[in-house]
N, C-alpha and C. Protein backbone atom coordinates (compact mmCIF):
# COMPACT_ATOMS: atom_id res chain seq x y z
N UNK A 1 -59.55 2.87 -28.44
CA UNK A 1 -59.28 1.62 -29.13
C UNK A 1 -58.66 1.94 -30.48
N UNK A 2 -57.47 1.43 -30.70
CA UNK A 2 -56.78 1.66 -31.95
C UNK A 2 -56.69 0.40 -32.77
N UNK A 3 -55.95 0.48 -33.83
CA UNK A 3 -55.75 -0.69 -34.66
C UNK A 3 -54.35 -0.67 -35.22
N UNK A 4 -53.87 -1.84 -35.61
CA UNK A 4 -52.56 -1.98 -36.23
C UNK A 4 -52.73 -1.80 -37.73
N UNK A 5 -51.72 -1.22 -38.38
CA UNK A 5 -51.80 -1.09 -39.83
C UNK A 5 -50.42 -1.21 -40.44
N UNK A 6 -50.41 -1.62 -41.69
CA UNK A 6 -49.18 -1.75 -42.46
C UNK A 6 -49.50 -1.54 -43.92
N UNK A 7 -48.54 -0.96 -44.64
CA UNK A 7 -48.66 -0.82 -46.09
C UNK A 7 -47.67 -1.78 -46.72
N UNK A 8 -48.15 -2.57 -47.68
CA UNK A 8 -47.32 -3.58 -48.33
C UNK A 8 -47.20 -3.25 -49.80
N UNK A 9 -45.96 -3.04 -50.24
CA UNK A 9 -45.69 -2.76 -51.66
C UNK A 9 -44.87 -3.86 -52.32
N UNK A 10 -44.24 -4.70 -51.49
CA UNK A 10 -43.41 -5.78 -52.02
C UNK A 10 -43.29 -6.88 -50.97
N UNK A 11 -42.62 -7.96 -51.31
CA UNK A 11 -42.54 -9.10 -50.40
C UNK A 11 -41.76 -8.76 -49.14
N UNK A 12 -40.79 -7.85 -49.22
CA UNK A 12 -40.04 -7.46 -48.02
C UNK A 12 -40.96 -6.75 -47.03
N UNK A 13 -41.86 -5.90 -47.52
CA UNK A 13 -42.83 -5.23 -46.65
C UNK A 13 -43.74 -6.26 -45.98
N UNK A 14 -44.14 -7.27 -46.73
CA UNK A 14 -45.02 -8.30 -46.19
C UNK A 14 -44.33 -9.08 -45.08
N UNK A 15 -43.06 -9.42 -45.30
CA UNK A 15 -42.30 -10.12 -44.27
C UNK A 15 -42.14 -9.26 -43.03
N UNK A 16 -41.95 -7.95 -43.21
CA UNK A 16 -41.75 -7.04 -42.09
C UNK A 16 -43.00 -6.93 -41.21
N UNK A 17 -44.18 -7.11 -41.78
CA UNK A 17 -45.41 -6.99 -40.98
C UNK A 17 -45.96 -8.36 -40.57
N UNK A 18 -45.19 -9.42 -40.77
CA UNK A 18 -45.65 -10.76 -40.43
C UNK A 18 -46.03 -10.88 -38.96
N UNK A 19 -45.39 -10.14 -38.09
CA UNK A 19 -45.70 -10.19 -36.67
C UNK A 19 -47.11 -9.75 -36.36
N UNK A 20 -47.69 -8.94 -37.20
CA UNK A 20 -49.07 -8.49 -36.99
C UNK A 20 -50.05 -9.66 -37.04
N UNK A 21 -49.73 -10.68 -37.82
CA UNK A 21 -50.65 -11.81 -37.98
C UNK A 21 -50.68 -12.71 -36.76
N UNK A 22 -49.58 -12.80 -36.03
CA UNK A 22 -49.51 -13.68 -34.88
C UNK A 22 -49.95 -13.03 -33.58
N UNK A 23 -50.04 -11.71 -33.56
CA UNK A 23 -50.33 -10.99 -32.33
C UNK A 23 -51.61 -10.17 -32.45
N UNK A 24 -52.60 -10.71 -33.09
CA UNK A 24 -53.83 -9.97 -33.31
C UNK A 24 -54.54 -9.76 -31.98
N UNK A 25 -54.63 -8.50 -31.58
CA UNK A 25 -55.30 -8.16 -30.34
C UNK A 25 -56.43 -7.19 -30.60
N UNK A 26 -56.70 -6.96 -31.85
CA UNK A 26 -57.74 -6.02 -32.25
C UNK A 26 -57.75 -5.93 -33.76
N UNK A 27 -58.40 -4.91 -34.29
CA UNK A 27 -58.48 -4.75 -35.74
C UNK A 27 -57.10 -4.54 -36.36
N UNK A 28 -56.90 -5.11 -37.53
CA UNK A 28 -55.65 -4.96 -38.28
C UNK A 28 -55.99 -4.62 -39.72
N UNK A 29 -55.32 -3.60 -40.27
CA UNK A 29 -55.53 -3.20 -41.66
C UNK A 29 -54.22 -3.38 -42.41
N UNK A 30 -54.25 -4.16 -43.47
CA UNK A 30 -53.10 -4.32 -44.34
C UNK A 30 -53.45 -3.68 -45.67
N UNK A 31 -52.77 -2.58 -46.01
CA UNK A 31 -53.00 -1.85 -47.26
C UNK A 31 -52.04 -2.40 -48.30
N UNK A 32 -52.53 -3.24 -49.20
CA UNK A 32 -51.70 -3.88 -50.22
C UNK A 32 -51.77 -3.06 -51.50
N UNK A 33 -50.64 -2.52 -51.90
CA UNK A 33 -50.55 -1.76 -53.14
C UNK A 33 -50.40 -2.75 -54.29
N UNK A 34 -51.16 -2.55 -55.33
CA UNK A 34 -51.17 -3.49 -56.46
C UNK A 34 -50.39 -2.91 -57.62
N UNK A 35 -49.54 -3.74 -58.22
CA UNK A 35 -48.76 -3.36 -59.39
C UNK A 35 -49.47 -3.91 -60.62
N UNK A 36 -49.97 -3.04 -61.45
CA UNK A 36 -50.71 -3.46 -62.63
C UNK A 36 -49.86 -4.14 -63.68
N UNK A 37 -48.52 -4.05 -63.57
CA UNK A 37 -47.63 -4.70 -64.53
C UNK A 37 -47.45 -6.19 -64.24
N UNK A 38 -47.87 -6.62 -63.05
CA UNK A 38 -47.75 -8.02 -62.67
C UNK A 38 -49.13 -8.63 -62.58
N UNK A 39 -49.31 -9.75 -63.25
CA UNK A 39 -50.58 -10.47 -63.20
C UNK A 39 -50.31 -11.88 -62.71
N UNK A 40 -50.97 -12.27 -61.64
CA UNK A 40 -50.80 -13.62 -61.12
C UNK A 40 -51.30 -14.64 -62.13
N UNK A 41 -50.63 -15.78 -62.26
CA UNK A 41 -51.03 -16.80 -63.22
C UNK A 41 -52.50 -17.23 -63.07
N UNK A 42 -52.99 -17.34 -61.83
CA UNK A 42 -54.36 -17.78 -61.63
C UNK A 42 -55.37 -16.72 -62.06
N UNK A 43 -54.92 -15.46 -62.17
CA UNK A 43 -55.81 -14.39 -62.58
C UNK A 43 -55.77 -14.17 -64.10
N UNK A 44 -54.66 -14.51 -64.71
CA UNK A 44 -54.47 -14.27 -66.14
C UNK A 44 -55.39 -15.15 -66.99
N UNK A 45 -55.72 -16.34 -66.45
CA UNK A 45 -56.60 -17.33 -67.05
C UNK A 45 -56.91 -17.12 -68.43
């Protein structure tokens, strides 16, 4: 038994792995790399 995985560093990477969300047949790991120079508005509070 294996699992699907993807590494996401930017929005293009996220779009490229979008198919993983619709075809879930087992465990899926999305490794999201975080850029400390960008802070989401809801987090900056």
